[in-house]
Amino acid sequence: MNNEIEQKYMELETLKQQVMQLNQYKMEINSRIMEVATAKQCLEGLKDTKENTKTIVPIGAGISVDATIPETKQVITSIGAGILIKKDLKDAIKTTEQLELNLNKQLKDIDNNIAIIEQESISIISEFEQLQNKNMNKDLKKNN
């Protein structure tokens, strides 16, 4: 009987680890959503920006450089593997909107998976408690 209890305990621990991993993934997706929202906001700001406008561009660690925006109708975007292409500003905004939708869908999927795991956990906890009660009753009968 103790073996069954240990097995249920291990199942619970596995589910707990899965929830922790999913929550970590949610944090990464939320961070990505914020990054995409910032990019979208910057792209929206370019709509009303005149060509050859001077600006300050942050490059990281609190450091910025002076820059001039030579063109505002197209932007350079990464398509992966270090490949950059020029893209129409409107298309770049649509891309960020689609990316936001995809990321939000991923969040919903993760929340659904967490809910399923929580239901599994509740079921296992119930089984775990039943096994413990059987063990205690068995021990009480031995002592009487």
N, C-alpha and C. Protein backbone atom coordinates (compact mmCIF):
# COMPACT_ATOMS: atom_id res chain seq x y z
N MET A 1 0.83 -1.20 0.00
CA MET A 1 0.00 0.00 0.00
C MET A 1 0.87 1.26 0.00
N ASN A 2 1.99 1.23 0.72
CA ASN A 2 2.88 2.40 0.76
C ASN A 2 3.42 2.73 -0.62
N ASN A 3 3.61 1.69 -1.42
CA ASN A 3 4.10 1.90 -2.78
C ASN A 3 3.09 2.73 -3.59
N GLU A 4 1.80 2.47 -3.42
CA GLU A 4 0.77 3.25 -4.11
C GLU A 4 0.78 4.70 -3.65
N ILE A 5 0.97 4.91 -2.36
CA ILE A 5 1.03 6.27 -1.82
C ILE A 5 2.23 7.01 -2.40
N GLU A 6 3.37 6.33 -2.46
CA GLU A 6 4.57 6.95 -3.04
C GLU A 6 4.35 7.28 -4.51
N GLN A 7 3.68 6.38 -5.22
CA GLN A 7 3.40 6.62 -6.64
C GLN A 7 2.51 7.85 -6.81
N LYS A 8 1.47 7.99 -6.00
CA LYS A 8 0.57 9.15 -6.08
C LYS A 8 1.33 10.43 -5.74
N TYR A 9 2.21 10.34 -4.74
CA TYR A 9 3.01 11.49 -4.35
C TYR A 9 3.91 11.93 -5.52
N MET A 10 4.52 10.95 -6.19
CA MET A 10 5.39 11.26 -7.33
C MET A 10 4.59 11.87 -8.49
N GLU A 11 3.36 11.37 -8.69
CA GLU A 11 2.50 11.94 -9.73
C GLU A 11 2.20 13.40 -9.41
N LEU A 12 1.90 13.68 -8.15
CA LEU A 12 1.62 15.06 -7.74
C LEU A 12 2.84 15.96 -7.96
N GLU A 13 4.00 15.46 -7.61
CA GLU A 13 5.23 16.24 -7.79
C GLU A 13 5.48 16.53 -9.27
N THR A 14 5.22 15.54 -10.12
CA THR A 14 5.39 15.72 -11.56
C THR A 14 4.45 16.80 -12.07
N LEU A 15 3.19 16.75 -11.64
CA LEU A 15 2.21 17.75 -12.06
C LEU A 15 2.60 19.14 -11.55
N LYS A 16 3.11 19.19 -10.33
CA LYS A 16 3.56 20.46 -9.76
C LYS A 16 4.68 21.06 -10.62
N GLN A 17 5.62 20.22 -11.05
CA GLN A 17 6.72 20.68 -11.90
C GLN A 17 6.19 21.19 -13.24
N GLN A 18 5.19 20.49 -13.78
CA GLN A 18 4.62 20.91 -15.06
C GLN A 18 3.97 22.30 -14.93
N VAL A 19 3.26 22.51 -13.83
CA VAL A 19 2.62 23.82 -13.61
C VAL A 19 3.69 24.90 -13.47
N MET A 20 4.76 24.59 -12.76
CA MET A 20 5.85 25.57 -12.60
C MET A 20 6.45 25.92 -13.96
N GLN A 21 6.66 24.92 -14.81
CA GLN A 21 7.22 25.18 -16.14
C GLN A 21 6.26 26.01 -16.98
N LEU A 22 4.98 25.69 -16.90
CA LEU A 22 3.99 26.46 -17.66
C LEU A 22 3.92 27.90 -17.17
N ASN A 23 4.01 28.10 -15.88
CA ASN A 23 4.00 29.48 -15.34
C ASN A 23 5.24 30.25 -15.78
N GLN A 24 6.38 29.56 -15.86
CA GLN A 24 7.60 30.20 -16.36
C GLN A 24 7.42 30.59 -17.83
N TYR A 25 6.82 29.70 -18.60
CA TYR A 25 6.56 29.99 -20.00
C TYR A 25 5.60 31.17 -20.14
N LYS A 26 4.60 31.24 -19.26
CA LYS A 26 3.67 32.38 -19.28
C LYS A 26 4.40 33.69 -19.05
N MET A 27 5.35 33.68 -18.11
CA MET A 27 6.12 34.91 -17.85
C MET A 27 6.91 35.32 -19.09
N GLU A 28 7.49 34.34 -19.78
CA GLU A 28 8.25 34.65 -20.99
C GLU A 28 7.33 35.21 -22.08
N ILE A 29 6.15 34.63 -22.22
CA ILE A 29 5.21 35.12 -23.23
C ILE A 29 4.73 36.52 -22.88
N ASN A 30 4.44 36.77 -21.59
CA ASN A 30 4.02 38.11 -21.18
C ASN A 30 5.11 39.14 -21.48
N SER A 31 6.35 38.76 -21.26
CA SER A 31 7.47 39.65 -21.57
C SER A 31 7.52 39.93 -23.07
N ARG A 32 7.30 38.89 -23.85
CA ARG A 32 7.31 39.04 -25.31
C ARG A 32 6.14 39.93 -25.77
N ILE A 33 4.99 39.77 -25.13
CA ILE A 33 3.82 40.60 -25.46
C ILE A 33 4.14 42.08 -25.21
N MET A 34 4.80 42.35 -24.10
CA MET A 34 5.18 43.74 -23.79
C MET A 34 6.16 44.27 -24.83
N GLU A 35 7.09 43.43 -25.24
CA GLU A 35 8.07 43.82 -26.26
C GLU A 35 7.38 44.13 -27.59
N VAL A 36 6.43 43.28 -27.97
CA VAL A 36 5.70 43.48 -29.22
C VAL A 36 4.84 44.74 -29.14
N ALA A 37 4.21 44.97 -28.00
CA ALA A 37 3.38 46.17 -27.82
C ALA A 37 4.22 47.44 -27.94
N THR A 38 5.43 47.41 -27.38
CA THR A 38 6.34 48.55 -27.49
C THR A 38 6.73 48.78 -28.95
N ALA A 39 7.04 47.70 -29.64
CA ALA A 39 7.41 47.82 -31.06
C ALA A 39 6.25 48.39 -31.87
N LYS A 40 5.05 47.89 -31.59
CA LYS A 40 3.86 48.38 -32.31
C LYS A 40 3.66 49.87 -32.05
N GLN A 41 3.84 50.28 -30.80
CA GLN A 41 3.67 51.69 -30.43
C GLN A 41 4.70 52.55 -31.19
N CYS A 42 5.92 52.07 -31.27
CA CYS A 42 6.95 52.81 -32.01
C CYS A 42 6.61 52.89 -33.50
N LEU A 43 6.12 51.78 -34.04
CA LEU A 43 5.73 51.78 -35.46
C LEU A 43 4.58 52.75 -35.70
N GLU A 44 3.61 52.76 -34.80
CA GLU A 44 2.49 53.70 -34.92
C GLU A 44 3.00 55.14 -34.89
N GLY A 45 4.00 55.39 -34.06
CA GLY A 45 4.59 56.73 -33.97
C GLY A 45 5.28 57.14 -35.26
N LEU A 46 5.80 56.17 -36.01
CA LEU A 46 6.47 56.48 -37.27
C LEU A 46 5.49 56.99 -38.34
N LYS A 47 4.22 56.65 -38.19
CA LYS A 47 3.22 57.08 -39.19
C LYS A 47 3.24 58.60 -39.37
N ASP A 48 3.39 59.30 -38.26
CA ASP A 48 3.34 60.76 -38.29
C ASP A 48 4.72 61.41 -38.27
N THR A 49 5.75 60.60 -38.40
CA THR A 49 7.12 61.13 -38.36
C THR A 49 7.59 61.46 -39.77
N LYS A 50 8.17 62.63 -39.89
CA LYS A 50 8.69 63.05 -41.20
C LYS A 50 10.04 62.39 -41.44
N GLU A 51 10.36 62.21 -42.72
CA GLU A 51 11.66 61.64 -43.08
C GLU A 51 12.77 62.59 -42.63
N ASN A 52 13.92 62.02 -42.34
CA ASN A 52 15.12 62.72 -41.88
C ASN A 52 14.92 63.40 -40.52
N THR A 53 14.00 62.87 -39.73
CA THR A 53 13.80 63.37 -38.38
C THR A 53 14.92 62.87 -37.49
N LYS A 54 15.46 63.79 -36.67
CA LYS A 54 16.50 63.39 -35.72
C LYS A 54 15.83 62.84 -34.47
N THR A 55 16.46 61.82 -33.89
CA THR A 55 15.91 61.18 -32.70
C THR A 55 17.04 60.61 -31.86
N ILE A 56 16.69 60.10 -30.70
CA ILE A 56 17.64 59.41 -29.84
C ILE A 56 17.21 57.96 -29.79
N VAL A 57 18.14 57.05 -30.03
CA VAL A 57 17.83 55.62 -30.07
C VAL A 57 18.54 54.92 -28.92
N PRO A 58 17.77 54.29 -28.02
CA PRO A 58 18.40 53.53 -26.94
C PRO A 58 19.05 52.26 -27.50
N ILE A 59 20.27 51.98 -27.05
CA ILE A 59 20.96 50.77 -27.51
C ILE A 59 21.17 49.77 -26.38
N GLY A 60 20.70 50.12 -25.19
CA GLY A 60 20.77 49.19 -24.07
C GLY A 60 21.63 49.72 -22.93
N ALA A 61 21.38 49.17 -21.73
CA ALA A 61 22.14 49.53 -20.53
C ALA A 61 22.11 51.03 -20.24
N GLY A 62 21.00 51.69 -20.62
CA GLY A 62 20.87 53.12 -20.35
C GLY A 62 21.67 54.01 -21.29
N ILE A 63 22.15 53.43 -22.38
CA ILE A 63 22.96 54.18 -23.35
C ILE A 63 22.13 54.41 -24.61
N SER A 64 22.23 55.65 -25.14
CA SER A 64 21.51 56.01 -26.36
C SER A 64 22.45 56.70 -27.34
N VAL A 65 22.04 56.70 -28.59
CA VAL A 65 22.83 57.40 -29.62
C VAL A 65 21.90 58.32 -30.40
N ASP A 66 22.48 59.39 -30.95
CA ASP A 66 21.72 60.26 -31.85
C ASP A 66 21.57 59.53 -33.18
N ALA A 67 20.42 59.68 -33.79
CA ALA A 67 20.19 59.03 -35.09
C ALA A 67 19.23 59.88 -35.91
N THR A 68 19.24 59.62 -37.20
CA THR A 68 18.31 60.26 -38.11
C THR A 68 17.51 59.16 -38.79
N ILE A 69 16.20 59.37 -38.86
CA ILE A 69 15.33 58.39 -39.51
C ILE A 69 15.18 58.82 -40.97
N PRO A 70 15.89 58.15 -41.88
CA PRO A 70 15.87 58.59 -43.27
C PRO A 70 14.56 58.28 -43.99
N GLU A 71 13.91 57.20 -43.59
CA GLU A 71 12.70 56.77 -44.27
C GLU A 71 11.69 56.30 -43.22
N THR A 72 10.43 56.70 -43.40
CA THR A 72 9.41 56.32 -42.43
C THR A 72 8.31 55.44 -43.01
N LYS A 73 8.37 55.16 -44.28
CA LYS A 73 7.33 54.33 -44.91
C LYS A 73 7.70 52.85 -44.90
N GLN A 74 8.97 52.56 -44.68
CA GLN A 74 9.42 51.18 -44.60
C GLN A 74 10.30 51.00 -43.38
N VAL A 75 10.28 49.79 -42.85
CA VAL A 75 11.14 49.46 -41.72
C VAL A 75 11.91 48.19 -42.06
N ILE A 76 12.95 47.94 -41.31
CA ILE A 76 13.74 46.71 -41.50
C ILE A 76 13.33 45.75 -40.39
N THR A 77 12.98 44.55 -40.79
CA THR A 77 12.51 43.56 -39.82
C THR A 77 13.23 42.23 -40.00
N SER A 78 13.37 41.53 -38.91
CA SER A 78 14.01 40.22 -38.93
C SER A 78 12.99 39.16 -39.31
N ILE A 79 13.40 38.24 -40.18
CA ILE A 79 12.53 37.12 -40.51
C ILE A 79 13.11 35.81 -39.97
N GLY A 80 14.13 35.94 -39.11
CA GLY A 80 14.75 34.78 -38.49
C GLY A 80 16.09 34.45 -39.10
N ALA A 81 16.88 33.69 -38.36
CA ALA A 81 18.20 33.23 -38.80
C ALA A 81 19.11 34.40 -39.19
N GLY A 82 18.91 35.56 -38.56
CA GLY A 82 19.75 36.72 -38.83
C GLY A 82 19.47 37.41 -40.15
N ILE A 83 18.35 37.05 -40.79
CA ILE A 83 18.00 37.64 -42.08
C ILE A 83 17.07 38.83 -41.85
N LEU A 84 17.45 39.97 -42.44
CA LEU A 84 16.67 41.20 -42.32
C LEU A 84 16.09 41.56 -43.68
N ILE A 85 14.85 42.05 -43.67
CA ILE A 85 14.21 42.50 -44.91
C ILE A 85 13.54 43.84 -44.66
N LYS A 86 13.31 44.58 -45.74
CA LYS A 86 12.54 45.82 -45.64
C LYS A 86 11.06 45.44 -45.76
N LYS A 87 10.26 46.14 -44.95
CA LYS A 87 8.83 45.86 -44.94
C LYS A 87 8.09 47.18 -44.87
N ASP A 88 6.97 47.25 -45.57
CA ASP A 88 6.11 48.43 -45.53
C ASP A 88 5.65 48.65 -44.09
N LEU A 89 5.58 49.90 -43.65
CA LEU A 89 5.21 50.23 -42.28
C LEU A 89 3.87 49.62 -41.89
N LYS A 90 2.88 49.72 -42.78
CA LYS A 90 1.55 49.16 -42.49
C LYS A 90 1.63 47.65 -42.30
N ASP A 91 2.41 46.97 -43.13
CA ASP A 91 2.57 45.52 -43.01
C ASP A 91 3.28 45.15 -41.71
N ALA A 92 4.24 45.96 -41.31
CA ALA A 92 4.95 45.71 -40.05
C ALA A 92 4.00 45.85 -38.87
N ILE A 93 3.12 46.83 -38.92
CA ILE A 93 2.12 47.01 -37.85
C ILE A 93 1.18 45.81 -37.82
N LYS A 94 0.74 45.36 -39.00
CA LYS A 94 -0.13 44.17 -39.06
C LYS A 94 0.58 42.94 -38.50
N THR A 95 1.86 42.83 -38.77
CA THR A 95 2.65 41.70 -38.26
C THR A 95 2.67 41.71 -36.74
N THR A 96 2.87 42.90 -36.14
CA THR A 96 2.88 42.98 -34.67
C THR A 96 1.51 42.65 -34.10
N GLU A 97 0.45 43.08 -34.78
CA GLU A 97 -0.90 42.78 -34.31
C GLU A 97 -1.15 41.27 -34.35
N GLN A 98 -0.72 40.61 -35.42
CA GLN A 98 -0.90 39.16 -35.54
C GLN A 98 -0.06 38.43 -34.48
N LEU A 99 1.12 38.94 -34.26
CA LEU A 99 1.98 38.34 -33.24
C LEU A 99 1.35 38.46 -31.86
N GLU A 100 0.76 39.62 -31.57
CA GLU A 100 0.06 39.80 -30.29
C GLU A 100 -1.08 38.79 -30.14
N LEU A 101 -1.85 38.61 -31.21
CA LEU A 101 -2.95 37.64 -31.18
C LEU A 101 -2.43 36.22 -30.92
N ASN A 102 -1.36 35.85 -31.61
CA ASN A 102 -0.78 34.51 -31.42
C ASN A 102 -0.27 34.31 -30.00
N LEU A 103 0.39 35.31 -29.47
CA LEU A 103 0.92 35.21 -28.11
C LEU A 103 -0.20 35.12 -27.09
N ASN A 104 -1.26 35.91 -27.28
CA ASN A 104 -2.40 35.84 -26.37
C ASN A 104 -3.10 34.49 -26.44
N LYS A 105 -3.14 33.90 -27.64
CA LYS A 105 -3.71 32.56 -27.78
C LYS A 105 -2.86 31.55 -27.02
N GLN A 106 -1.55 31.69 -27.11
CA GLN A 106 -0.66 30.80 -26.37
C GLN A 106 -0.90 30.90 -24.87
N LEU A 107 -1.12 32.14 -24.39
CA LEU A 107 -1.42 32.32 -22.96
C LEU A 107 -2.70 31.59 -22.57
N LYS A 108 -3.72 31.70 -23.41
CA LYS A 108 -4.98 31.01 -23.12
C LYS A 108 -4.79 29.50 -23.12
N ASP A 109 -4.01 29.00 -24.07
CA ASP A 109 -3.73 27.56 -24.13
C ASP A 109 -3.00 27.09 -22.87
N ILE A 110 -2.06 27.89 -22.42
CA ILE A 110 -1.32 27.54 -21.21
C ILE A 110 -2.26 27.53 -20.01
N ASP A 111 -3.11 28.55 -19.91
CA ASP A 111 -4.08 28.59 -18.81
C ASP A 111 -4.99 27.37 -18.83
N ASN A 112 -5.41 26.95 -20.03
CA ASN A 112 -6.24 25.75 -20.15
C ASN A 112 -5.47 24.51 -19.68
N ASN A 113 -4.21 24.41 -20.07
CA ASN A 113 -3.39 23.27 -19.65
C ASN A 113 -3.20 23.26 -18.13
N ILE A 114 -3.00 24.43 -17.55
CA ILE A 114 -2.85 24.52 -16.10
C ILE A 114 -4.14 24.07 -15.41
N ALA A 115 -5.28 24.48 -15.95
CA ALA A 115 -6.57 24.08 -15.37
C ALA A 115 -6.74 22.56 -15.43
N ILE A 116 -6.34 21.95 -16.54
CA ILE A 116 -6.43 20.49 -16.67
C ILE A 116 -5.53 19.81 -15.65
N ILE A 117 -4.32 20.32 -15.51
CA ILE A 117 -3.37 19.74 -14.54
C ILE A 117 -3.91 19.90 -13.13
N GLU A 118 -4.51 21.04 -12.82
CA GLU A 118 -5.07 21.25 -11.48
C GLU A 118 -6.20 20.25 -11.21
N GLN A 119 -7.02 19.96 -12.22
CA GLN A 119 -8.08 18.97 -12.05
C GLN A 119 -7.49 17.58 -11.81
N GLU A 120 -6.43 17.25 -12.56
CA GLU A 120 -5.75 15.97 -12.36
C GLU A 120 -5.19 15.91 -10.93
N SER A 121 -4.63 17.01 -10.48
CA SER A 121 -4.04 17.06 -9.14
C SER A 121 -5.11 16.83 -8.07
N ILE A 122 -6.26 17.45 -8.25
CA ILE A 122 -7.35 17.27 -7.28
C ILE A 122 -7.76 15.80 -7.21
N SER A 123 -7.84 15.17 -8.36
CA SER A 123 -8.19 13.75 -8.41
C SER A 123 -7.14 12.89 -7.71
N ILE A 124 -5.89 13.18 -7.96
CA ILE A 124 -4.80 12.41 -7.35
C ILE A 124 -4.75 12.65 -5.84
N ILE A 125 -5.00 13.88 -5.42
CA ILE A 125 -5.02 14.17 -3.97
C ILE A 125 -6.12 13.37 -3.30
N SER A 126 -7.26 13.28 -3.96
CA SER A 126 -8.37 12.49 -3.41
C SER A 126 -7.97 11.02 -3.28
N GLU A 127 -7.35 10.48 -4.33
CA GLU A 127 -6.88 9.10 -4.28
C GLU A 127 -5.82 8.92 -3.20
N PHE A 128 -4.93 9.88 -3.09
CA PHE A 128 -3.86 9.86 -2.11
C PHE A 128 -4.45 9.80 -0.68
N GLU A 129 -5.44 10.64 -0.43
CA GLU A 129 -6.08 10.67 0.89
C GLU A 129 -6.80 9.36 1.19
N GLN A 130 -7.45 8.80 0.18
CA GLN A 130 -8.13 7.51 0.38
C GLN A 130 -7.12 6.42 0.73
N LEU A 131 -5.99 6.41 0.04
CA LEU A 131 -4.95 5.42 0.33
C LEU A 131 -4.40 5.60 1.75
N GLN A 132 -4.21 6.86 2.14
CA GLN A 132 -3.71 7.11 3.50
C GLN A 132 -4.72 6.64 4.54
N ASN A 133 -5.99 6.91 4.30
CA ASN A 133 -7.03 6.47 5.23
C ASN A 133 -7.07 4.95 5.33
N LYS A 134 -6.95 4.26 4.20
CA LYS A 134 -6.93 2.80 4.21
C LYS A 134 -5.74 2.30 5.02
N ASN A 135 -4.61 2.93 4.85
CA ASN A 135 -3.40 2.54 5.59
C ASN A 135 -3.60 2.75 7.09
N MET A 136 -4.17 3.89 7.46
CA MET A 136 -4.39 4.16 8.88
C MET A 136 -5.37 3.17 9.47
N ASN A 137 -6.45 2.87 8.74
CA ASN A 137 -7.43 1.89 9.23
C ASN A 137 -6.81 0.51 9.37
N LYS A 138 -5.97 0.16 8.42
CA LYS A 138 -5.28 -1.13 8.46
C LYS A 138 -4.37 -1.19 9.69
N ASP A 139 -3.64 -0.12 9.95
CA ASP A 139 -2.74 -0.05 11.11
C ASP A 139 -3.53 -0.11 12.41
N LEU A 140 -4.68 0.56 12.45
CA LEU A 140 -5.52 0.54 13.66
C LEU A 140 -6.03 -0.87 13.94
N LYS A 141 -6.42 -1.59 12.89
CA LYS A 141 -6.92 -2.96 13.06
C LYS A 141 -5.81 -3.88 13.56
N LYS A 142 -4.58 -3.66 13.08
CA LYS A 142 -3.44 -4.47 13.54
C LYS A 142 -3.17 -4.23 15.02
N ASN A 143 -3.31 -3.00 15.46
CA ASN A 143 -3.02 -2.64 16.86
C ASN A 143 -4.13 -3.08 17.81
N ASN A 144 -5.32 -3.35 17.32
CA ASN A 144 -6.44 -3.74 18.18
C ASN A 144 -6.48 -5.21 18.28
